[in-house]
N, C-alpha and C. Protein backbone atom coordinates (compact mmCIF):
# COMPACT_ATOMS: atom_id res chain seq x y z
N MET A 1 74.71 -108.26 -35.42
CA MET A 1 73.65 -107.28 -35.34
C MET A 1 73.78 -106.51 -34.02
N LYS A 2 73.67 -105.19 -34.10
CA LYS A 2 73.81 -104.34 -32.92
C LYS A 2 72.56 -104.43 -32.05
N GLU A 3 72.78 -104.67 -30.76
CA GLU A 3 71.66 -104.74 -29.82
C GLU A 3 71.21 -103.33 -29.48
N GLU A 4 69.91 -103.13 -29.41
CA GLU A 4 69.37 -101.80 -29.11
C GLU A 4 69.65 -101.42 -27.66
N MET A 5 70.01 -100.18 -27.48
CA MET A 5 70.26 -99.66 -26.13
C MET A 5 68.96 -99.63 -25.33
N GLU A 6 69.10 -99.51 -24.03
CA GLU A 6 67.95 -99.36 -23.16
C GLU A 6 68.12 -98.09 -22.34
N LEU A 7 67.02 -97.36 -22.18
CA LEU A 7 67.02 -96.19 -21.32
C LEU A 7 66.82 -96.65 -19.88
N ILE A 8 67.51 -96.01 -18.98
CA ILE A 8 67.33 -96.25 -17.55
C ILE A 8 66.63 -95.01 -16.99
N LEU A 9 65.41 -95.18 -16.52
CA LEU A 9 64.61 -94.07 -16.04
C LEU A 9 64.41 -94.20 -14.53
N PRO A 10 65.06 -93.35 -13.73
CA PRO A 10 64.84 -93.38 -12.28
C PRO A 10 63.46 -92.78 -11.99
N ASN A 11 62.48 -93.64 -11.75
CA ASN A 11 61.09 -93.19 -11.67
C ASN A 11 60.69 -92.68 -10.29
N THR A 12 61.19 -93.29 -9.25
CA THR A 12 60.94 -92.83 -7.88
C THR A 12 62.24 -93.05 -7.11
N GLY A 13 62.22 -92.73 -5.84
CA GLY A 13 63.41 -92.97 -5.03
C GLY A 13 63.75 -94.44 -4.89
N THR A 14 62.78 -95.30 -5.13
CA THR A 14 63.00 -96.74 -4.95
C THR A 14 62.82 -97.55 -6.23
N GLU A 15 62.50 -96.91 -7.35
CA GLU A 15 62.17 -97.64 -8.57
C GLU A 15 62.92 -97.09 -9.77
N ILE A 16 63.41 -97.99 -10.62
CA ILE A 16 63.93 -97.57 -11.92
C ILE A 16 63.21 -98.38 -12.99
N LEU A 17 63.13 -97.80 -14.16
CA LEU A 17 62.53 -98.48 -15.31
C LEU A 17 63.60 -98.66 -16.36
N LYS A 18 63.54 -99.75 -17.07
CA LYS A 18 64.47 -100.04 -18.16
C LYS A 18 63.63 -100.28 -19.40
N VAL A 19 63.81 -99.44 -20.42
CA VAL A 19 62.95 -99.53 -21.60
C VAL A 19 63.74 -99.20 -22.87
N ARG A 20 63.47 -99.93 -23.92
CA ARG A 20 64.10 -99.64 -25.22
C ARG A 20 63.40 -98.44 -25.84
N PRO A 21 64.14 -97.50 -26.40
CA PRO A 21 63.52 -96.33 -27.03
C PRO A 21 62.49 -96.72 -28.10
N SER A 22 62.73 -97.82 -28.82
CA SER A 22 61.80 -98.22 -29.87
C SER A 22 60.46 -98.71 -29.32
N ASP A 23 60.39 -98.99 -28.02
CA ASP A 23 59.14 -99.41 -27.40
C ASP A 23 58.30 -98.23 -26.93
N ILE A 24 58.90 -97.04 -26.91
CA ILE A 24 58.17 -95.84 -26.49
C ILE A 24 57.51 -95.22 -27.71
N VAL A 25 56.17 -95.16 -27.71
CA VAL A 25 55.44 -94.54 -28.81
C VAL A 25 55.42 -93.03 -28.59
N TYR A 26 55.01 -92.61 -27.39
CA TYR A 26 55.05 -91.18 -27.06
C TYR A 26 54.97 -91.00 -25.55
N ILE A 27 55.32 -89.80 -25.12
CA ILE A 27 55.24 -89.38 -23.73
C ILE A 27 54.24 -88.22 -23.69
N GLU A 28 53.34 -88.28 -22.74
CA GLU A 28 52.38 -87.19 -22.55
C GLU A 28 52.67 -86.50 -21.23
N ALA A 29 52.99 -85.22 -21.29
CA ALA A 29 53.32 -84.45 -20.10
C ALA A 29 52.07 -83.83 -19.50
N ASP A 30 52.03 -83.81 -18.17
CA ASP A 30 50.93 -83.18 -17.45
C ASP A 30 51.50 -82.58 -16.17
N GLY A 31 51.99 -81.35 -16.29
CA GLY A 31 52.57 -80.68 -15.14
C GLY A 31 53.85 -81.35 -14.67
N ASN A 32 53.85 -81.80 -13.42
CA ASN A 32 55.04 -82.42 -12.82
C ASN A 32 55.19 -83.90 -13.14
N TYR A 33 54.28 -84.45 -13.90
CA TYR A 33 54.28 -85.88 -14.20
C TYR A 33 54.20 -86.10 -15.70
N CYS A 34 54.50 -87.32 -16.11
CA CYS A 34 54.36 -87.73 -17.51
C CYS A 34 53.77 -89.13 -17.53
N THR A 35 53.13 -89.45 -18.64
CA THR A 35 52.69 -90.82 -18.89
C THR A 35 53.43 -91.31 -20.11
N MET A 36 54.11 -92.43 -19.96
CA MET A 36 54.84 -93.03 -21.07
C MET A 36 53.91 -94.06 -21.73
N HIS A 37 53.67 -93.88 -23.03
CA HIS A 37 52.82 -94.78 -23.79
C HIS A 37 53.72 -95.69 -24.62
N LEU A 38 53.64 -96.98 -24.32
CA LEU A 38 54.50 -97.96 -24.97
C LEU A 38 53.74 -98.74 -26.03
N THR A 39 54.48 -99.48 -26.85
CA THR A 39 53.86 -100.31 -27.86
C THR A 39 52.87 -101.28 -27.21
N GLY A 40 51.85 -101.63 -27.97
CA GLY A 40 50.84 -102.56 -27.46
C GLY A 40 49.82 -101.91 -26.54
N GLY A 41 49.90 -100.58 -26.37
CA GLY A 41 48.93 -99.87 -25.54
C GLY A 41 49.27 -99.81 -24.07
N PHE A 42 50.44 -100.28 -23.68
CA PHE A 42 50.84 -100.25 -22.27
C PHE A 42 51.19 -98.82 -21.87
N GLU A 43 50.81 -98.41 -20.65
CA GLU A 43 51.11 -97.07 -20.13
C GLU A 43 51.85 -97.19 -18.80
N GLN A 44 52.74 -96.22 -18.57
CA GLN A 44 53.50 -96.18 -17.32
C GLN A 44 53.57 -94.74 -16.83
N GLN A 45 53.15 -94.51 -15.59
CA GLN A 45 53.25 -93.19 -14.98
C GLN A 45 54.71 -92.91 -14.66
N LEU A 46 55.17 -91.71 -15.01
CA LEU A 46 56.52 -91.27 -14.68
C LEU A 46 56.41 -90.14 -13.67
N TRP A 47 57.16 -90.23 -12.60
CA TRP A 47 57.06 -89.26 -11.52
C TRP A 47 58.07 -88.14 -11.67
N PHE A 48 58.18 -87.64 -12.91
CA PHE A 48 59.00 -86.46 -13.18
C PHE A 48 58.40 -85.73 -14.37
N ASN A 49 58.85 -84.49 -14.61
CA ASN A 49 58.24 -83.67 -15.65
C ASN A 49 58.89 -83.88 -17.03
N ARG A 50 58.31 -83.23 -18.00
CA ARG A 50 58.75 -83.34 -19.39
C ARG A 50 60.21 -82.97 -19.56
N GLN A 51 60.63 -81.89 -18.91
CA GLN A 51 62.01 -81.43 -19.06
C GLN A 51 63.00 -82.45 -18.53
N ARG A 52 62.64 -83.13 -17.46
CA ARG A 52 63.51 -84.18 -16.90
C ARG A 52 63.62 -85.35 -17.87
N PHE A 53 62.52 -85.72 -18.51
CA PHE A 53 62.57 -86.81 -19.50
C PHE A 53 63.46 -86.42 -20.67
N ILE A 54 63.32 -85.19 -21.16
CA ILE A 54 64.16 -84.71 -22.26
C ILE A 54 65.63 -84.76 -21.86
N SER A 55 65.93 -84.35 -20.64
CA SER A 55 67.30 -84.37 -20.14
C SER A 55 67.85 -85.81 -20.09
N ILE A 56 67.04 -86.75 -19.61
CA ILE A 56 67.48 -88.15 -19.51
C ILE A 56 67.76 -88.72 -20.89
N ILE A 57 66.84 -88.53 -21.84
CA ILE A 57 67.07 -89.13 -23.16
C ILE A 57 68.20 -88.43 -23.90
N SER A 58 68.37 -87.14 -23.69
CA SER A 58 69.48 -86.42 -24.33
C SER A 58 70.81 -86.96 -23.83
N GLU A 59 70.91 -87.19 -22.54
CA GLU A 59 72.15 -87.71 -21.95
C GLU A 59 72.41 -89.15 -22.37
N GLN A 60 71.40 -90.00 -22.26
CA GLN A 60 71.61 -91.42 -22.53
C GLN A 60 71.65 -91.77 -24.01
N MET A 61 71.07 -90.93 -24.86
CA MET A 61 71.03 -91.24 -26.30
C MET A 61 71.91 -90.31 -27.12
N ARG A 62 72.87 -89.67 -26.50
CA ARG A 62 73.66 -88.66 -27.21
C ARG A 62 74.43 -89.21 -28.41
N THR A 63 74.75 -90.50 -28.41
CA THR A 63 75.48 -91.07 -29.55
C THR A 63 74.55 -91.76 -30.55
N GLU A 64 73.26 -91.76 -30.27
CA GLU A 64 72.29 -92.42 -31.14
C GLU A 64 71.66 -91.41 -32.11
N LYS A 65 71.08 -91.94 -33.17
CA LYS A 65 70.32 -91.12 -34.10
C LYS A 65 69.09 -90.56 -33.37
N PRO A 66 68.74 -89.29 -33.58
CA PRO A 66 67.57 -88.73 -32.88
C PRO A 66 66.33 -89.58 -33.14
N ALA A 67 65.62 -89.91 -32.06
CA ALA A 67 64.43 -90.75 -32.18
C ALA A 67 63.16 -90.04 -31.72
N PHE A 68 63.32 -88.97 -30.94
CA PHE A 68 62.16 -88.31 -30.36
C PHE A 68 62.11 -86.84 -30.76
N VAL A 69 60.89 -86.33 -30.82
CA VAL A 69 60.69 -84.93 -31.13
C VAL A 69 59.63 -84.38 -30.18
N VAL A 70 59.84 -83.14 -29.73
CA VAL A 70 58.87 -82.47 -28.87
C VAL A 70 57.80 -81.85 -29.76
N VAL A 71 56.54 -82.13 -29.43
CA VAL A 71 55.40 -81.58 -30.18
C VAL A 71 54.56 -80.78 -29.19
N GLY A 72 54.59 -79.46 -29.34
CA GLY A 72 53.84 -78.60 -28.44
C GLY A 72 54.34 -78.73 -27.00
N ARG A 73 53.45 -78.44 -26.06
CA ARG A 73 53.83 -78.47 -24.65
C ARG A 73 53.57 -79.82 -24.00
N SER A 74 52.80 -80.66 -24.65
CA SER A 74 52.35 -81.87 -23.99
C SER A 74 52.99 -83.17 -24.45
N PHE A 75 53.60 -83.21 -25.64
CA PHE A 75 54.01 -84.49 -26.18
C PHE A 75 55.49 -84.56 -26.57
N ILE A 76 56.06 -85.72 -26.34
CA ILE A 76 57.36 -86.10 -26.87
C ILE A 76 57.06 -87.38 -27.66
N VAL A 77 57.31 -87.34 -28.96
CA VAL A 77 56.86 -88.41 -29.85
C VAL A 77 58.05 -89.13 -30.46
N ASN A 78 57.96 -90.45 -30.53
CA ASN A 78 58.95 -91.26 -31.23
C ASN A 78 58.67 -91.09 -32.73
N ILE A 79 59.63 -90.57 -33.45
CA ILE A 79 59.47 -90.26 -34.87
C ILE A 79 59.04 -91.49 -35.67
N SER A 80 59.46 -92.66 -35.27
CA SER A 80 59.15 -93.90 -36.01
C SER A 80 57.66 -94.21 -36.07
N TYR A 81 56.88 -93.69 -35.13
CA TYR A 81 55.45 -94.02 -35.08
C TYR A 81 54.56 -92.97 -35.72
N ILE A 82 55.14 -91.90 -36.24
CA ILE A 82 54.32 -90.87 -36.87
C ILE A 82 53.75 -91.41 -38.18
N TYR A 83 52.44 -91.35 -38.30
CA TYR A 83 51.74 -91.83 -39.48
C TYR A 83 51.19 -90.67 -40.31
N ARG A 84 50.51 -89.72 -39.64
CA ARG A 84 49.92 -88.60 -40.37
C ARG A 84 50.00 -87.34 -39.51
N ILE A 85 50.35 -86.23 -40.18
CA ILE A 85 50.39 -84.92 -39.54
C ILE A 85 49.39 -84.04 -40.27
N ASN A 86 48.38 -83.54 -39.57
CA ASN A 86 47.38 -82.68 -40.19
C ASN A 86 47.25 -81.40 -39.36
N PRO A 87 48.08 -80.38 -39.70
CA PRO A 87 48.05 -79.14 -38.92
C PRO A 87 46.70 -78.42 -38.96
N VAL A 88 46.01 -78.49 -40.08
CA VAL A 88 44.72 -77.79 -40.21
C VAL A 88 43.71 -78.33 -39.19
N GLN A 89 43.69 -79.64 -39.00
CA GLN A 89 42.78 -80.24 -38.02
C GLN A 89 43.40 -80.32 -36.62
N GLY A 90 44.68 -79.93 -36.51
CA GLY A 90 45.35 -79.99 -35.22
C GLY A 90 45.55 -81.41 -34.73
N GLU A 91 45.80 -82.32 -35.68
CA GLU A 91 45.86 -83.74 -35.33
C GLU A 91 47.15 -84.40 -35.79
N LEU A 92 47.69 -85.22 -34.90
CA LEU A 92 48.84 -86.05 -35.20
C LEU A 92 48.41 -87.49 -34.95
N VAL A 93 48.55 -88.33 -35.98
CA VAL A 93 48.14 -89.73 -35.86
C VAL A 93 49.39 -90.59 -35.81
N LEU A 94 49.45 -91.46 -34.80
CA LEU A 94 50.57 -92.38 -34.63
C LEU A 94 50.08 -93.79 -34.92
N PHE A 95 50.96 -94.62 -35.45
CA PHE A 95 50.60 -96.00 -35.76
C PHE A 95 51.56 -96.95 -35.08
N ASP A 96 51.01 -97.83 -34.28
CA ASP A 96 51.77 -98.87 -33.58
C ASP A 96 51.19 -100.20 -34.05
N ASN A 97 51.95 -101.00 -34.79
CA ASN A 97 51.40 -102.23 -35.34
C ASN A 97 51.06 -103.27 -34.27
N LEU A 98 51.45 -103.06 -33.01
CA LEU A 98 51.06 -103.95 -31.93
C LEU A 98 49.76 -103.51 -31.26
N ASN A 99 49.23 -102.37 -31.68
CA ASN A 99 47.99 -101.83 -31.12
C ASN A 99 47.10 -101.44 -32.30
N PRO A 100 46.01 -102.17 -32.53
CA PRO A 100 45.20 -101.94 -33.73
C PRO A 100 44.51 -100.58 -33.80
N ALA A 101 44.34 -99.90 -32.69
CA ALA A 101 43.68 -98.60 -32.71
C ALA A 101 44.69 -97.52 -33.08
N GLN A 102 44.26 -96.59 -33.94
CA GLN A 102 45.13 -95.44 -34.24
C GLN A 102 45.20 -94.56 -33.00
N ILE A 103 46.35 -93.94 -32.83
CA ILE A 103 46.55 -93.04 -31.70
C ILE A 103 46.44 -91.63 -32.25
N ARG A 104 45.48 -90.88 -31.78
CA ARG A 104 45.26 -89.51 -32.25
C ARG A 104 45.61 -88.53 -31.13
N LEU A 105 46.59 -87.68 -31.43
CA LEU A 105 47.00 -86.64 -30.50
C LEU A 105 46.60 -85.30 -31.08
N HIS A 106 46.27 -84.37 -30.21
CA HIS A 106 45.89 -83.04 -30.66
C HIS A 106 46.91 -82.02 -30.17
N ALA A 107 47.36 -81.19 -31.11
CA ALA A 107 48.35 -80.15 -30.81
C ALA A 107 48.02 -78.93 -31.64
N SER A 108 48.69 -77.84 -31.36
CA SER A 108 48.42 -76.60 -32.09
C SER A 108 48.86 -76.71 -33.55
N GLN A 109 48.24 -75.91 -34.37
CA GLN A 109 48.59 -75.88 -35.79
C GLN A 109 50.06 -75.48 -35.96
N GLU A 110 50.51 -74.55 -35.15
CA GLU A 110 51.91 -74.10 -35.22
C GLU A 110 52.88 -75.24 -34.89
N ALA A 111 52.61 -75.98 -33.82
CA ALA A 111 53.48 -77.09 -33.43
C ALA A 111 53.50 -78.17 -34.50
N LEU A 112 52.35 -78.46 -35.09
CA LEU A 112 52.28 -79.49 -36.12
C LEU A 112 52.92 -79.03 -37.43
N ASN A 113 52.83 -77.76 -37.74
CA ASN A 113 53.53 -77.24 -38.93
C ASN A 113 55.04 -77.36 -38.76
N ARG A 114 55.55 -77.04 -37.57
CA ARG A 114 56.98 -77.20 -37.30
C ARG A 114 57.39 -78.66 -37.44
N LEU A 115 56.58 -79.56 -36.90
CA LEU A 115 56.87 -80.99 -37.00
C LEU A 115 56.86 -81.44 -38.46
N LYS A 116 55.88 -81.01 -39.21
CA LYS A 116 55.78 -81.37 -40.63
C LYS A 116 57.00 -80.89 -41.39
N ASP A 117 57.44 -79.67 -41.14
CA ASP A 117 58.63 -79.13 -41.81
C ASP A 117 59.88 -79.91 -41.41
N MET A 118 59.99 -80.25 -40.13
CA MET A 118 61.15 -80.99 -39.66
C MET A 118 61.19 -82.39 -40.29
N ILE A 119 60.07 -83.08 -40.32
CA ILE A 119 60.01 -84.41 -40.92
C ILE A 119 60.30 -84.32 -42.41
N GLY A 120 59.76 -83.31 -43.07
CA GLY A 120 60.01 -83.13 -44.50
C GLY A 120 61.47 -82.88 -44.81
N SER A 121 62.17 -82.16 -43.93
CA SER A 121 63.59 -81.87 -44.18
C SER A 121 64.47 -83.08 -43.89
N MET A 122 63.96 -84.06 -43.15
CA MET A 122 64.72 -85.27 -42.84
C MET A 122 64.78 -86.21 -44.04
N ASN A 123 63.77 -86.16 -44.88
CA ASN A 123 63.71 -87.05 -46.04
C ASN A 123 64.39 -86.42 -47.23
N THR A 124 65.31 -87.15 -47.80
CA THR A 124 65.98 -86.65 -49.00
C THR A 124 65.61 -87.56 -50.16
N ILE A 125 65.54 -86.99 -51.32
CA ILE A 125 65.21 -87.76 -52.51
C ILE A 125 66.50 -88.29 -53.11
N LEU A 126 66.53 -89.58 -53.32
CA LEU A 126 67.72 -90.21 -53.91
C LEU A 126 67.71 -90.02 -55.42
N PRO A 127 68.89 -89.85 -56.02
CA PRO A 127 68.93 -89.65 -57.48
C PRO A 127 68.53 -90.90 -58.24
């Protein structure tokens, strides 16, 4: 069985984080910082911006199947945790079986429509 890779995130000049992509539910960007939301409801402050996180995962996961998608300006979401996309209500619901509360994110109707179309095109119907 193939062992899952781990991301190495240089968080500060003196700290690095090591995390499996499957443990990241979503990243919430806020200006120059991000908050990484992990399974089980754990949160970790990241001392870099959204674009830096995208650059890190693109570099480190280049040989892996895409696992994350950018939703609007504020979120990077692990595709595996998407439960419901409702563009009309501007709501994206994520489900983490280690955290009993549903995670509700709010994004623009346009961003959620793009996400819905992208997810829909990923699924193919088998004959």
